[in-house]
Amino acid sequence: MPNEESLLPALLSYTAEIAKTVGFSSRDCYKIQLAVEEACVHVMKTSFHPGEMADYQVEYTGRLD
């Protein structure tokens, strides 16, 4: 994922779709989106120099039992 905050809405939409697909409630989907957003913003603000163009990874893992 490029470290551009302007791309966060697309990532968060994708996150919500994954959460819904595996059966999370709407409330939990929102909480998951918020956690992902906070984590990504933190990474972008603390891991890169201002103006630095770089990528970071977001992984979705889990089990479908």
N, C-alpha and C. Protein backbone atom coordinates (compact mmCIF):
# COMPACT_ATOMS: atom_id res chain seq x y z
N MET A 1 0.85 -1.16 0.00
CA MET A 1 0.00 0.00 0.00
C MET A 1 0.90 1.22 0.00
N PRO A 2 0.70 2.14 -0.94
CA PRO A 2 1.49 3.38 -0.93
C PRO A 2 1.16 4.20 0.32
N ASN A 3 2.14 4.89 0.84
CA ASN A 3 1.93 5.67 2.06
C ASN A 3 1.29 7.03 1.75
N GLU A 4 0.13 7.00 1.14
CA GLU A 4 -0.64 8.20 0.79
C GLU A 4 -1.99 8.15 1.50
N GLU A 5 -2.23 9.11 2.37
CA GLU A 5 -3.49 9.13 3.12
C GLU A 5 -4.70 9.20 2.21
N SER A 6 -4.55 9.75 1.02
CA SER A 6 -5.69 9.87 0.09
C SER A 6 -6.21 8.51 -0.36
N LEU A 7 -5.41 7.46 -0.18
CA LEU A 7 -5.83 6.11 -0.58
C LEU A 7 -6.52 5.35 0.55
N LEU A 8 -6.53 5.92 1.76
CA LEU A 8 -7.14 5.23 2.89
C LEU A 8 -8.63 4.89 2.70
N PRO A 9 -9.45 5.78 2.14
CA PRO A 9 -10.86 5.41 1.97
C PRO A 9 -11.06 4.12 1.17
N ALA A 10 -10.27 3.92 0.13
CA ALA A 10 -10.40 2.69 -0.66
C ALA A 10 -10.00 1.47 0.18
N LEU A 11 -8.92 1.60 0.93
CA LEU A 11 -8.49 0.50 1.79
C LEU A 11 -9.54 0.19 2.86
N LEU A 12 -10.13 1.22 3.44
CA LEU A 12 -11.13 1.01 4.48
C LEU A 12 -12.41 0.41 3.92
N SER A 13 -12.77 0.76 2.71
CA SER A 13 -13.93 0.15 2.06
C SER A 13 -13.67 -1.34 1.83
N TYR A 14 -12.49 -1.65 1.36
CA TYR A 14 -12.08 -3.05 1.14
C TYR A 14 -12.10 -3.80 2.47
N THR A 15 -11.60 -3.17 3.51
CA THR A 15 -11.58 -3.78 4.84
C THR A 15 -12.99 -4.13 5.30
N ALA A 16 -13.92 -3.20 5.12
CA ALA A 16 -15.31 -3.44 5.52
C ALA A 16 -15.92 -4.58 4.74
N GLU A 17 -15.64 -4.66 3.45
CA GLU A 17 -16.18 -5.74 2.63
C GLU A 17 -15.66 -7.10 3.10
N ILE A 18 -14.40 -7.17 3.42
CA ILE A 18 -13.84 -8.42 3.92
C ILE A 18 -14.51 -8.79 5.24
N ALA A 19 -14.63 -7.82 6.14
CA ALA A 19 -15.23 -8.09 7.45
C ALA A 19 -16.68 -8.56 7.29
N LYS A 20 -17.44 -7.93 6.42
CA LYS A 20 -18.83 -8.34 6.18
C LYS A 20 -18.89 -9.74 5.60
N THR A 21 -18.00 -10.01 4.66
CA THR A 21 -17.98 -11.32 3.99
C THR A 21 -17.75 -12.46 4.96
N VAL A 22 -16.92 -12.23 5.96
CA VAL A 22 -16.64 -13.31 6.91
C VAL A 22 -17.61 -13.32 8.09
N GLY A 23 -18.58 -12.39 8.09
CA GLY A 23 -19.67 -12.48 9.05
C GLY A 23 -19.66 -11.53 10.22
N PHE A 24 -18.84 -10.49 10.20
CA PHE A 24 -18.86 -9.53 11.29
C PHE A 24 -20.10 -8.65 11.20
N SER A 25 -20.60 -8.21 12.34
CA SER A 25 -21.74 -7.30 12.37
C SER A 25 -21.32 -5.93 11.84
N SER A 26 -22.31 -5.11 11.52
CA SER A 26 -22.02 -3.75 11.03
C SER A 26 -21.21 -2.97 12.06
N ARG A 27 -21.56 -3.11 13.32
CA ARG A 27 -20.83 -2.41 14.38
C ARG A 27 -19.38 -2.87 14.45
N ASP A 28 -19.17 -4.18 14.36
CA ASP A 28 -17.81 -4.70 14.40
C ASP A 28 -17.02 -4.33 13.14
N CYS A 29 -17.70 -4.27 11.99
CA CYS A 29 -17.03 -3.83 10.76
C CYS A 29 -16.51 -2.42 10.93
N TYR A 30 -17.31 -1.55 11.55
CA TYR A 30 -16.88 -0.17 11.79
C TYR A 30 -15.67 -0.15 12.72
N LYS A 31 -15.71 -0.95 13.77
CA LYS A 31 -14.58 -1.00 14.71
C LYS A 31 -13.31 -1.50 14.04
N ILE A 32 -13.45 -2.48 13.17
CA ILE A 32 -12.30 -3.01 12.43
C ILE A 32 -11.75 -1.93 11.50
N GLN A 33 -12.62 -1.25 10.79
CA GLN A 33 -12.19 -0.15 9.91
C GLN A 33 -11.43 0.91 10.71
N LEU A 34 -11.95 1.29 11.85
CA LEU A 34 -11.32 2.31 12.67
C LEU A 34 -9.93 1.86 13.13
N ALA A 35 -9.82 0.60 13.55
CA ALA A 35 -8.52 0.08 13.98
C ALA A 35 -7.52 0.07 12.84
N VAL A 36 -7.97 -0.34 11.65
CA VAL A 36 -7.08 -0.36 10.48
C VAL A 36 -6.66 1.06 10.12
N GLU A 37 -7.60 1.99 10.14
CA GLU A 37 -7.28 3.38 9.83
C GLU A 37 -6.25 3.93 10.82
N GLU A 38 -6.46 3.72 12.10
CA GLU A 38 -5.53 4.22 13.11
C GLU A 38 -4.15 3.61 12.93
N ALA A 39 -4.10 2.32 12.66
CA ALA A 39 -2.80 1.65 12.47
C ALA A 39 -2.08 2.20 11.24
N CYS A 40 -2.80 2.35 10.13
CA CYS A 40 -2.18 2.84 8.90
C CYS A 40 -1.68 4.28 9.05
N VAL A 41 -2.49 5.14 9.66
CA VAL A 41 -2.07 6.53 9.87
C VAL A 41 -0.83 6.57 10.76
N HIS A 42 -0.82 5.74 11.80
CA HIS A 42 0.34 5.69 12.68
C HIS A 42 1.60 5.27 11.91
N VAL A 43 1.47 4.24 11.09
CA VAL A 43 2.62 3.78 10.29
C VAL A 43 3.09 4.89 9.36
N MET A 44 2.15 5.54 8.68
CA MET A 44 2.55 6.59 7.73
C MET A 44 3.22 7.77 8.43
N LYS A 45 2.77 8.11 9.62
CA LYS A 45 3.31 9.27 10.32
C LYS A 45 4.63 8.98 11.04
N THR A 46 4.87 7.73 11.41
CA THR A 46 6.06 7.43 12.22
C THR A 46 7.13 6.63 11.49
N SER A 47 6.80 6.05 10.36
CA SER A 47 7.77 5.16 9.69
C SER A 47 8.43 5.78 8.47
N PHE A 48 7.93 6.91 8.02
CA PHE A 48 8.44 7.52 6.80
C PHE A 48 8.79 8.98 7.05
N HIS A 49 9.75 9.48 6.31
CA HIS A 49 10.11 10.90 6.37
C HIS A 49 9.06 11.70 5.60
N PRO A 50 8.82 12.96 5.98
CA PRO A 50 7.87 13.79 5.24
C PRO A 50 8.20 13.81 3.74
N GLY A 51 7.20 13.55 2.92
CA GLY A 51 7.39 13.55 1.47
C GLY A 51 7.97 12.26 0.90
N GLU A 52 8.39 11.34 1.75
CA GLU A 52 8.96 10.08 1.26
C GLU A 52 7.85 9.21 0.65
N MET A 53 8.10 8.72 -0.54
CA MET A 53 7.16 7.82 -1.19
C MET A 53 7.63 6.39 -0.97
N ALA A 54 6.80 5.61 -0.32
CA ALA A 54 7.16 4.22 -0.01
C ALA A 54 5.87 3.42 0.16
N ASP A 55 6.02 2.15 0.33
CA ASP A 55 4.89 1.25 0.51
C ASP A 55 4.96 0.57 1.87
N TYR A 56 3.81 0.13 2.33
CA TYR A 56 3.72 -0.72 3.52
C TYR A 56 2.67 -1.78 3.23
N GLN A 57 2.66 -2.83 4.03
CA GLN A 57 1.75 -3.94 3.78
C GLN A 57 0.62 -3.97 4.80
N VAL A 58 -0.55 -4.29 4.33
CA VAL A 58 -1.70 -4.55 5.18
C VAL A 58 -2.13 -5.97 4.88
N GLU A 59 -2.18 -6.79 5.90
CA GLU A 59 -2.56 -8.20 5.72
C GLU A 59 -3.81 -8.52 6.51
N TYR A 60 -4.68 -9.30 5.91
CA TYR A 60 -5.88 -9.78 6.57
C TYR A 60 -5.71 -11.29 6.74
N THR A 61 -5.67 -11.71 7.97
CA THR A 61 -5.50 -13.14 8.22
C THR A 61 -6.56 -13.61 9.21
N GLY A 62 -6.82 -14.87 9.19
CA GLY A 62 -7.78 -15.44 10.12
C GLY A 62 -8.21 -16.80 9.64
N ARG A 63 -9.11 -17.37 10.42
CA ARG A 63 -9.64 -18.69 10.08
C ARG A 63 -11.14 -18.59 9.90
N LEU A 64 -11.65 -19.32 8.98
CA LEU A 64 -13.09 -19.43 8.79
C LEU A 64 -13.50 -20.82 9.28
N ASP A 65 -13.90 -20.89 10.53
CA ASP A 65 -14.29 -22.18 11.11
C ASP A 65 -15.76 -22.43 10.93
